[in-house]
């Protein structure tokens, strides 16, 4: 990793540790009551320049690609950031690539379906309720849609929503001329995997700390062999998922390698289930309570597991690539994993 990349990851770590506390996360999730916290936290993130990090230097950014911002994305997950910084970074880079001025606002990515009447619907948009605009891909068309005027439907998580725009709203929005190889689901899966890697590590660290502090029969429960075995399995999932997520974000530009993304997202989604289950088992009943911070991370892991496709979807993508590959399976594995500076 380049030294400049460390600078951006450190900046994200510092501002999120100071400003994105569990109390702030809860306030933002409460909706209208968290409007002040939303504005204040986003102002701090904008001040660091992180949202523009993937723009070229002449556009006020740092010219970083997905691989270089992995540490920033990881910190978003490590602090349960309830605002769409990751999506905004990618969206602003895509807008710049299409020579469209990016609004100085919070943008989320979404995949839409165009209906018979010409309108567009997005069944589930993560963090829609704290976004100000949505960069939607429907078929081959990309458009930047405002949240104002969008029809919203309630989803399971407080910050998510289903969105719909009329045909007139869709046609009135600016269209982006992006290369046909760009796919919103692939980009979402890449940045989501990086955030999952951060959240997985936080869940493991919190569980390890709890096991070393919780006393049972006169000694920490972490001293019991059964708990040690569970922690060892957790660590394997956490660090394997992080390596796979780095593969998914590897590269100097904004475009992600779909097969590497498939590897990363499938591994992270698989780990999300195992790590969350074990963390709550070790914590016992306290881990399930709303007041305990563990659920801020495990709840997001379960949501991110389904975002842009679960492990079964991306395993299918990898399986199709394997069946279509001519030659040794090892050659395909090498193509996925032989990445410099990962």
Foldseek 3Di string as FASTA:
>chain_A
DDPVLVVLLVLLLVLLVVLLAPVLVVCVQVAPSNPVSLVVSLVSVVVVQLLQQCPPVVVVHVVFALLSNLSNLLSCLLSLPQAQSLQSSLVCNQCVVQVHHDDPWGEFEFEWEADPQQKIKGAKTRQLSSGQWYFYDYPQKTFIAGSVPWDWDDDPGSRMTITMDGNVRVVVTDIGDDPSLDDRLLLLLLSLLSSLLNLLVNLLVVLVVQQQVDDDPHHRNCVDPVLVVLSVVSVVLSVVLNLLSSLQSDDGHHGTDNLSSLSNLLSSLVSLVSSLVSSCVSVDPVCPDPVDCNCSNSVSSNVSCPRSHHNVVSVVVNVVVQVPDDDDPVVVVCVSNVGPPD
